[in-house]
Protein backbone atom coordinates (compact mmCIF):
# COMPACT_ATOMS: atom_id res chain seq x y z
CA MET A 1 42.52 87.67 139.77
CA GLN A 2 43.48 89.76 142.73
CA VAL A 3 45.21 86.77 144.26
CA ILE A 4 47.42 86.33 141.20
CA GLY A 5 48.22 90.04 141.12
CA HIS A 6 49.09 89.95 144.82
CA GLN A 7 51.34 86.90 144.31
CA LEU A 8 53.11 88.58 141.37
CA GLY A 9 53.67 91.71 143.46
CA GLU A 10 55.22 89.63 146.26
CA LEU A 11 57.38 87.80 143.71
CA PHE A 12 58.66 91.09 142.31
CA LEU A 13 59.33 92.43 145.84
CA GLN A 14 61.33 89.28 146.63
CA ALA A 15 63.27 89.69 143.39
CA VAL A 16 64.27 93.31 144.11
CA PRO A 17 67.25 92.40 146.38
CA THR A 18 68.50 89.93 143.78
CA VAL A 19 68.24 92.55 141.04
CA LEU A 20 70.05 95.10 143.21
CA ILE A 21 72.84 92.63 144.02
CA ILE A 22 73.26 91.76 140.35
CA LEU A 23 73.28 95.46 139.42
CA PHE A 24 75.86 96.15 142.14
CA PHE A 25 78.13 93.33 140.94
CA TYR A 26 77.74 94.49 137.33
CA ILE A 27 78.86 98.00 138.25
CA ILE A 28 81.85 96.69 140.21
CA LEU A 29 82.86 94.20 137.51
CA ARG A 30 82.46 96.76 134.78
CA GLY A 31 84.76 99.12 136.63
CA ASP A 32 87.48 96.61 137.45
CA PHE A 33 87.29 93.44 135.45
CA LEU A 34 85.84 94.55 132.14
CA GLN A 35 88.12 97.58 131.76
CA THR A 36 91.15 95.48 132.65
CA ALA A 37 90.05 92.80 130.21
CA ALA A 38 89.56 95.43 127.51
CA ALA A 39 93.05 96.80 128.15
CA VAL A 40 94.53 93.29 127.99
CA MET A 41 92.66 92.59 124.76
CA ALA A 42 93.90 95.84 123.24
CA GLU A 43 97.49 95.00 124.21
CA ARG A 44 97.09 91.50 122.77
CA ASP A 45 95.76 92.95 119.52
CA ALA A 46 98.71 95.35 119.34
CA ARG A 47 101.18 92.53 119.94
CA THR A 48 99.42 90.35 117.39
CA ALA A 49 99.59 93.11 114.80
CA GLY A 50 103.28 93.60 115.59
CA ALA A 51 103.93 89.88 115.27
CA GLN A 52 102.08 89.80 111.95
CA LYS A 53 104.19 92.68 110.64
CA ALA A 54 107.35 90.91 111.83
CA ALA A 55 106.21 87.70 110.13
CA GLU A 56 105.50 89.56 106.89
CA ALA A 57 108.93 91.18 107.06
CA ALA A 58 110.54 87.77 107.67
CA GLN A 59 108.63 86.31 104.73
CA ALA A 60 109.75 89.18 102.50
CA ALA A 61 113.36 88.70 103.60
CA ALA A 62 113.11 84.96 102.98
CA ALA A 63 111.62 85.57 99.54
CA GLU A 64 114.48 87.96 98.74
CA LYS A 65 117.03 85.38 99.87
CA VAL A 66 115.34 82.72 97.74
CA LYS A 67 115.46 85.10 94.76
CA GLN A 68 119.15 85.80 95.37
CA TYR A 69 119.84 82.07 95.76
CA LYS A 70 118.08 81.26 92.50
CA GLU A 71 119.96 84.04 90.69
CA ALA A 72 123.29 82.82 92.09
CA LEU A 73 122.40 79.25 91.17
CA SER A 74 121.48 80.33 87.65
CA ARG A 75 124.73 82.29 87.26
CA ARG A 76 126.75 79.34 88.57
CA ALA A 77 124.93 76.93 86.25
CA GLY A 78 125.71 79.22 83.30
CA GLN A 79 129.34 79.36 84.36
CA VAL A 80 129.49 75.55 84.62
CA TYR A 81 127.92 75.20 81.17
CA ARG A 82 130.46 77.65 79.71
CA GLU A 83 133.32 75.74 81.35
CA GLN A 84 131.95 72.43 80.05
CA GLU A 85 131.57 73.91 76.58
CA ALA A 86 135.14 75.24 76.67
CA ALA A 87 136.45 71.85 77.80
CA ARG A 88 134.41 70.10 75.11
CA LYS A 89 135.69 72.51 72.47
CA LYS A 90 139.27 71.98 73.65
CA LEU A 91 138.85 68.21 73.42
CA LEU A 92 137.26 68.47 69.98
CA ASP A 93 140.12 70.71 68.81
CA GLU A 94 142.69 68.26 70.21
CA ARG A 95 140.90 65.36 68.54
CA ALA A 96 140.74 67.24 65.24
CA ALA A 97 144.47 68.03 65.51
CA GLN A 98 145.26 64.38 66.24
CA LEU A 99 143.13 63.27 63.30
CA LYS A 100 144.83 65.80 61.04
CA GLU A 101 148.23 64.65 62.25
CA ALA A 102 147.28 60.98 61.80
CA ARG A 103 146.02 61.65 58.27
CA ALA A 104 149.17 63.52 57.39
CA LYS A 105 151.41 60.56 58.33
CA PRO A 106 152.04 58.05 55.62
CA LEU A 107 150.72 54.55 56.15
CA PRO A 108 153.32 52.00 57.17
CA ARG A 109 154.02 49.35 54.50
């Protein structure tokens, strides 16, 4: 049992430099790399949020333009229908006048 305990103690003593090196690198990386990465991530998040707001604004503007287009199309369709109805009424009136005139003429013998 003492042999195993002695071997474990030597193993831990050999691992101390490795643990210290890893701790040293962690402290250095945390100071430089991780803070820089956190700042970059925060900037990316801010830009992403800005891009999302811009996209939402563009979608709202596009929806408004679609609404305006549909309203203009509806107004124009109504105008075309009114013009067609007026032309149809004019033709019907002309036809009725021609029929009235034709009925008023005596038949040739």
